[in-house]
Amino acid sequence: MTPRDLTFVLGGARSGKSVHAEQLAASSSLLVTYIATARVADDAEFSARIAHHRERRPAHWRLVEAGVDLASAVTQSDAPGHCILIDCLTLWLANLLCPPEGEAASPDQYHARVAALEAALVDAHSKIIVVSNEIGLGVVPLGAATRLYVDELGRLNQRIAALSTTATMMVAGLPLTLKAAGPR
């Protein structure tokens, strides 16, 4: 059995987490599949953010635009000798809890999606790099919906960090090792 190779990269907005994750993927010398979780932008500022990410990625990387079924995107992209870069859990969670087209996932649906993602990550044969925001370092937000989002992202980040072999926190463009890979 091949040991799991799961790297978790998290940090605040504009901390350098996506650039760091992209550098890790590029330096792996593996075939890279980039799984994007952002839905189509409906405003100019967010469209510019998406364009910036696209321009930075190598053209030969395969792109998968995942909806709320991130587990299936991982499973379908998984193969030995490949690297999967998921950017990011923050937007995926927003798609689940705050969908533009209707009702949010129920707690049971949300927990089922998270469990399916965890199972896909555990079963993967690819090198996996997962990006997420750390948004729980500030004040407690006003509003029940925002508190729910912050709490659920914190719980999701803890679950992925527990599965990871390596975890890095990005601060001001600097990678801080939270969890180092043990001997293989």
C-alpha atoms as a PDB file:
ATOM      1  CA  MET A   1       0.000   0.000   0.000  1.00  0.00           C
ATOM      2  CA  THR A   2       1.261   3.460  -0.910  1.00  0.00           C
ATOM      3  CA  PRO A   3       1.337   5.873   2.024  1.00  0.00           C
ATOM      4  CA  ARG A   4      -0.962   8.865   1.728  1.00  0.00           C
ATOM      5  CA  ASP A   5       0.661  12.052   0.429  1.00  0.00           C
ATOM      6  CA  LEU A   6      -1.658  14.878   1.474  1.00  0.00           C
ATOM      7  CA  THR A   7      -0.378  18.409   1.913  1.00  0.00           C
ATOM      8  CA  PHE A   8      -2.643  21.002   3.524  1.00  0.00           C
ATOM      9  CA  VAL A   9      -1.862  24.677   2.887  1.00  0.00           C
ATOM     10  CA  LEU A  10      -3.845  27.307   4.726  1.00  0.00           C
ATOM     11  CA  GLY A  11      -3.611  30.980   5.496  1.00  0.00           C
ATOM     12  CA  GLY A  12      -5.449  34.258   5.362  1.00  0.00           C
ATOM     13  CA  ALA A  13      -6.491  36.244   2.323  1.00  0.00           C
ATOM     14  CA  ARG A  14      -3.496  37.173   0.155  1.00  0.00           C
ATOM     15  CA  SER A  15      -1.151  35.214   2.407  1.00  0.00           C
ATOM     16  CA  GLY A  16       0.475  33.406  -0.529  1.00  0.00           C
ATOM     17  CA  LYS A  17      -1.232  30.064   0.029  1.00  0.00           C
ATOM     18  CA  SER A  18      -2.298  29.455  -3.586  1.00  0.00           C
ATOM     19  CA  VAL A  19       1.099  30.467  -4.984  1.00  0.00           C
ATOM     20  CA  HIS A  20       2.832  28.173  -2.483  1.00  0.00           C
ATOM     21  CA  ALA A  21       0.521  25.270  -3.349  1.00  0.00           C
ATOM     22  CA  GLU A  22       1.094  25.848  -7.070  1.00  0.00           C
ATOM     23  CA  GLN A  23       4.871  25.823  -6.495  1.00  0.00           C
ATOM     24  CA  LEU A  24       4.564  22.532  -4.602  1.00  0.00           C
ATOM     25  CA  ALA A  25       2.536  21.020  -7.432  1.00  0.00           C
ATOM     26  CA  ALA A  26       4.952  22.266 -10.098  1.00  0.00           C
ATOM     27  CA  SER A  27       7.979  20.972  -8.195  1.00  0.00           C
ATOM     28  CA  SER A  28       6.416  17.506  -7.811  1.00  0.00           C
ATOM     29  CA  SER A  29       7.323  16.683 -11.458  1.00  0.00           C
ATOM     30  CA  LEU A  30       3.980  14.867 -11.670  1.00  0.00           C
ATOM     31  CA  LEU A  31       1.058  15.379 -14.018  1.00  0.00           C
ATOM     32  CA  VAL A  32      -1.052  18.060 -12.304  1.00  0.00           C
ATOM     33  CA  THR A  33      -4.812  18.370 -12.158  1.00  0.00           C
ATOM     34  CA  TYR A  34      -6.034  21.644 -10.711  1.00  0.00           C
ATOM     35  CA  ILE A  35      -9.475  21.351  -9.142  1.00  0.00           C
ATOM     36  CA  ALA A  36     -11.045  24.808  -8.922  1.00  0.00           C
ATOM     37  CA  THR A  37     -13.964  25.237  -6.540  1.00  0.00           C
ATOM     38  CA  ALA A  38     -14.965  28.806  -7.388  1.00  0.00           C
ATOM     39  CA  ARG A  39     -18.258  29.116  -9.186  1.00  0.00           C
ATOM     40  CA  VAL A  40     -18.543  31.432 -12.161  1.00  0.00           C
ATOM     41  CA  ALA A  41     -17.996  34.967 -10.990  1.00  0.00           C
ATOM     42  CA  ASP A  42     -20.908  37.357 -11.143  1.00  0.00           C
ATOM     43  CA  ASP A  43     -18.898  40.501 -10.438  1.00  0.00           C
ATOM     44  CA  ALA A  44     -15.845  42.109 -12.029  1.00  0.00           C
ATOM     45  CA  GLU A  45     -13.610  41.961  -8.948  1.00  0.00           C
ATOM     46  CA  PHE A  46     -14.079  38.221  -8.439  1.00  0.00           C
ATOM     47  CA  SER A  47     -13.722  37.605 -12.187  1.00  0.00           C
ATOM     48  CA  ALA A  48     -10.347  39.365 -12.011  1.00  0.00           C
ATOM     49  CA  ARG A  49      -9.292  37.118  -9.119  1.00  0.00           C
ATOM     50  CA  ILE A  50     -10.183  34.006 -11.129  1.00  0.00           C
ATOM     51  CA  ALA A  51      -8.344  35.345 -14.189  1.00  0.00           C
ATOM     52  CA  HIS A  52      -5.244  36.009 -12.060  1.00  0.00           C
ATOM     53  CA  HIS A  53      -5.246  32.389 -10.867  1.00  0.00           C
ATOM     54  CA  ARG A  54      -5.702  31.100 -14.432  1.00  0.00           C
ATOM     55  CA  GLU A  55      -2.857  33.225 -15.797  1.00  0.00           C
ATOM     56  CA  ARG A  56      -0.490  31.978 -13.109  1.00  0.00           C
ATOM     57  CA  ARG A  57      -1.090  28.269 -13.787  1.00  0.00           C
ATOM     58  CA  PRO A  58       0.903  26.377 -16.404  1.00  0.00           C
ATOM     59  CA  ALA A  59      -1.157  25.793 -19.558  1.00  0.00           C
ATOM     60  CA  HIS A  60      -0.443  22.045 -19.531  1.00  0.00           C
ATOM     61  CA  TRP A  61      -2.138  21.485 -16.166  1.00  0.00           C
ATOM     62  CA  ARG A  62      -5.509  19.817 -16.450  1.00  0.00           C
ATOM     63  CA  LEU A  63      -8.366  21.903 -15.039  1.00  0.00           C
ATOM     64  CA  VAL A  64     -11.460  20.479 -13.363  1.00  0.00           C
ATOM     65  CA  GLU A  65     -14.104  22.928 -12.205  1.00  0.00           C
ATOM     66  CA  ALA A  66     -15.796  21.180  -9.307  1.00  0.00           C
ATOM     67  CA  GLY A  67     -19.244  21.901  -8.042  1.00  0.00           C
ATOM     68  CA  VAL A  68     -20.427  20.816  -4.640  1.00  0.00           C
ATOM     69  CA  ASP A  69     -19.455  17.192  -5.380  1.00  0.00           C
ATOM     70  CA  LEU A  70     -15.759  17.733  -4.723  1.00  0.00           C
ATOM     71  CA  ALA A  71     -15.298  14.085  -3.714  1.00  0.00           C
ATOM     72  CA  SER A  72     -16.235  12.901  -7.216  1.00  0.00           C
ATOM     73  CA  ALA A  73     -13.874  15.418  -8.796  1.00  0.00           C
ATOM     74  CA  VAL A  74     -11.039  14.039  -6.652  1.00  0.00           C
ATOM     75  CA  THR A  75     -11.940  10.409  -7.362  1.00  0.00           C
ATOM     76  CA  GLN A  76     -12.232  10.980 -11.122  1.00  0.00           C
ATOM     77  CA  SER A  77      -8.886  12.837 -11.227  1.00  0.00           C
ATOM     78  CA  ASP A  78      -6.994  10.376  -9.040  1.00  0.00           C
ATOM     79  CA  ALA A  79      -4.237   8.223 -10.526  1.00  0.00           C
ATOM     80  CA  PRO A  80      -0.811   7.047  -9.388  1.00  0.00           C
ATOM     81  CA  GLY A  81       1.901   9.404 -10.597  1.00  0.00           C
ATOM     82  CA  HIS A  82      -0.422  12.405 -10.544  1.00  0.00           C
ATOM     83  CA  CYS A  83      -0.756  15.475  -8.368  1.00  0.00           C
ATOM     84  CA  ILE A  84      -4.152  16.976  -7.560  1.00  0.00           C
ATOM     85  CA  LEU A  85      -4.290  20.569  -6.353  1.00  0.00           C
ATOM     86  CA  ILE A  86      -7.614  21.620  -4.791  1.00  0.00           C
ATOM     87  CA  ASP A  87      -8.046  25.393  -4.534  1.00  0.00           C
ATOM     88  CA  CYS A  88      -9.902  25.934  -2.275  1.00  0.00           C
ATOM     89  CA  LEU A  89     -12.037  24.477   0.513  1.00  0.00           C
ATOM     90  CA  THR A  90     -13.197  27.950   1.517  1.00  0.00           C
ATOM     91  CA  LEU A  91     -15.092  28.509  -1.730  1.00  0.00           C
ATOM     92  CA  TRP A  92     -16.352  24.925  -1.777  1.00  0.00           C
ATOM     93  CA  LEU A  93     -17.895  25.393   1.660  1.00  0.00           C
ATOM     94  CA  ALA A  94     -19.434  28.694   0.546  1.00  0.00           C
ATOM     95  CA  ASN A  95     -21.011  26.867  -2.406  1.00  0.00           C
ATOM     96  CA  LEU A  96     -22.532  24.351   0.007  1.00  0.00           C
ATOM     97  CA  LEU A  97     -23.751  26.754   2.669  1.00  0.00           C
ATOM     98  CA  CYS A  98     -24.570  29.800   0.515  1.00  0.00           C
ATOM     99  CA  PRO A  99     -25.518  28.649  -2.981  1.00  0.00           C
ATOM    100  CA  PRO A 100     -26.606  31.441  -5.330  1.00  0.00           C
ATOM    101  CA  GLU A 101     -29.369  29.404  -6.906  1.00  0.00           C
ATOM    102  CA  GLY A 102     -31.310  28.175  -3.907  1.00  0.00           C
ATOM    103  CA  GLU A 103     -31.312  26.656  -0.488  1.00  0.00           C
ATOM    104  CA  ALA A 104     -28.186  25.743   1.378  1.00  0.00           C
ATOM    105  CA  ALA A 105     -27.340  22.124   1.955  1.00  0.00           C
ATOM    106  CA  SER A 106     -28.994  20.693   5.027  1.00  0.00           C
ATOM    107  CA  PRO A 107     -26.650  19.705   7.864  1.00  0.00           C
ATOM    108  CA  ASP A 108     -27.031  16.042   6.828  1.00  0.00           C
ATOM    109  CA  GLN A 109     -26.215  16.841   3.187  1.00  0.00           C
ATOM    110  CA  TYR A 110     -23.251  18.982   4.188  1.00  0.00           C
ATOM    111  CA  HIS A 111     -21.852  16.338   6.540  1.00  0.00           C
ATOM    112  CA  ALA A 112     -22.308  13.669   3.852  1.00  0.00           C
ATOM    113  CA  ARG A 113     -20.338  15.808   1.352  1.00  0.00           C
ATOM    114  CA  VAL A 114     -17.527  16.326   3.886  1.00  0.00           C
ATOM    115  CA  ALA A 115     -17.421  12.604   4.717  1.00  0.00           C
ATOM    116  CA  ALA A 116     -17.296  11.760   1.007  1.00  0.00           C
ATOM    117  CA  LEU A 117     -14.420  14.205   0.498  1.00  0.00           C
ATOM    118  CA  GLU A 118     -12.530  12.711   3.436  1.00  0.00           C
ATOM    119  CA  ALA A 119     -13.009   9.201   2.016  1.00  0.00           C
ATOM    120  CA  ALA A 120     -11.805  10.323  -1.428  1.00  0.00           C
ATOM    121  CA  LEU A 121      -8.699  11.905   0.091  1.00  0.00           C
ATOM    122  CA  VAL A 122      -7.942   8.825   2.212  1.00  0.00           C
ATOM    123  CA  ASP A 123      -8.338   6.476  -0.783  1.00  0.00           C
ATOM    124  CA  ALA A 124      -6.372   8.625  -3.247  1.00  0.00           C
ATOM    125  CA  HIS A 125      -3.235   7.355  -4.946  1.00  0.00           C
ATOM    126  CA  SER A 126      -2.224  10.810  -6.187  1.00  0.00           C
ATOM    127  CA  LYS A 127      -0.200  13.396  -4.371  1.00  0.00           C
ATOM    128  CA  ILE A 128      -2.899  15.767  -3.064  1.00  0.00           C
ATOM    129  CA  ILE A 129      -2.479  19.434  -2.156  1.00  0.00           C
ATOM    130  CA  VAL A 130      -5.468  21.131  -0.503  1.00  0.00           C
ATOM    131  CA  VAL A 131      -5.739  24.907  -0.025  1.00  0.00           C
ATOM    132  CA  SER A 132      -8.015  26.593   2.498  1.00  0.00           C
ATOM    133  CA  ASN A 133      -8.385  29.902   4.284  1.00  0.00           C
ATOM    134  CA  GLU A 134      -7.839  30.269   8.000  1.00  0.00           C
ATOM    135  CA  ILE A 135     -10.542  32.746   8.935  1.00  0.00           C
ATOM    136  CA  GLY A 136     -11.018  31.919  12.598  1.00  0.00           C
ATOM    137  CA  LEU A 137      -8.243  34.116  13.974  1.00  0.00           C
ATOM    138  CA  GLY A 138     -10.289  37.298  14.211  1.00  0.00           C
ATOM    139  CA  VAL A 139     -13.256  38.501  16.189  1.00  0.00           C
ATOM    140  CA  VAL A 140     -16.447  36.480  16.485  1.00  0.00           C
ATOM    141  CA  PRO A 141     -18.566  37.660  13.556  1.00  0.00           C
ATOM    142  CA  LEU A 142     -22.003  39.165  13.930  1.00  0.00           C
ATOM    143  CA  GLY A 143     -24.836  37.185  12.415  1.00  0.00           C
ATOM    144  CA  ALA A 144     -25.728  33.534  12.790  1.00  0.00           C
ATOM    145  CA  ALA A 145     -25.018  32.630   9.138  1.00  0.00           C
ATOM    146  CA  THR A 146     -21.512  34.086   9.267  1.00  0.00           C
ATOM    147  CA  ARG A 147     -20.763  32.396  12.598  1.00  0.00           C
ATOM    148  CA  LEU A 148     -21.985  29.077  11.155  1.00  0.00           C
ATOM    149  CA  TYR A 149     -19.691  29.501   8.143  1.00  0.00           C
ATOM    150  CA  VAL A 150     -16.641  30.370  10.285  1.00  0.00           C
ATOM    151  CA  ASP A 151     -17.353  27.457  12.652  1.00  0.00           C
ATOM    152  CA  GLU A 152     -17.888  24.941   9.852  1.00  0.00           C
ATOM    153  CA  LEU A 153     -14.751  26.036   7.995  1.00  0.00           C
ATOM    154  CA  GLY A 154     -12.777  25.672  11.222  1.00  0.00           C
ATOM    155  CA  ARG A 155     -14.125  22.154  11.708  1.00  0.00           C
ATOM    156  CA  LEU A 156     -13.463  21.250   8.063  1.00  0.00           C
ATOM    157  CA  ASN A 157      -9.891  22.569   8.294  1.00  0.00           C
ATOM    158  CA  GLN A 158      -9.310  20.487  11.433  1.00  0.00           C
ATOM    159  CA  ARG A 159     -10.542  17.345   9.677  1.00  0.00           C
ATOM    160  CA  ILE A 160      -8.329  17.876   6.642  1.00  0.00           C
ATOM    161  CA  ALA A 161      -5.330  18.768   8.815  1.00  0.00           C
ATOM    162  CA  ALA A 162      -5.812  15.513  10.753  1.00  0.00           C
ATOM    163  CA  LEU A 163      -5.700  13.545   7.475  1.00  0.00           C
ATOM    164  CA  SER A 164      -2.717  15.421   6.092  1.00  0.00           C
ATOM    165  CA  THR A 165       0.851  14.232   6.130  1.00  0.00           C
ATOM    166  CA  THR A 166       2.105  17.816   5.882  1.00  0.00           C
ATOM    167  CA  ALA A 167       0.428  21.078   6.883  1.00  0.00           C
ATOM    168  CA  THR A 168       1.705  24.576   6.184  1.00  0.00           C
ATOM    169  CA  MET A 169       0.364  27.932   7.370  1.00  0.00           C
ATOM    170  CA  MET A 170       1.118  30.851   5.088  1.00  0.00           C
ATOM    171  CA  VAL A 171       1.683  34.237   6.715  1.00  0.00           C
ATOM    172  CA  ALA A 172       2.872  37.232   4.655  1.00  0.00           C
ATOM    173  CA  GLY A 173       4.111  34.899   1.938  1.00  0.00           C
ATOM    174  CA  LEU A 174       6.151  32.814   4.359  1.00  0.00           C
ATOM    175  CA  PRO A 175       5.447  29.093   4.853  1.00  0.00           C
ATOM    176  CA  LEU A 176       5.285  28.017   8.478  1.00  0.00           C
ATOM    177  CA  THR A 177       5.371  24.268   9.014  1.00  0.00           C
ATOM    178  CA  LEU A 178       2.542  23.081  11.238  1.00  0.00           C
ATOM    179  CA  LYS A 179       2.908  19.379  10.549  1.00  0.00           C
ATOM    180  CA  ALA A 180       5.907  17.727   8.944  1.00  0.00           C
ATOM    181  CA  ALA A 181       5.818  14.443   7.071  1.00  0.00           C
ATOM    182  CA  GLY A 182       7.214  11.577   9.107  1.00  0.00           C
ATOM    183  CA  PRO A 183       9.607   8.942   7.820  1.00  0.00           C
ATOM    184  CA  ARG A 184       8.229   6.860   4.971  1.00  0.00           C
END
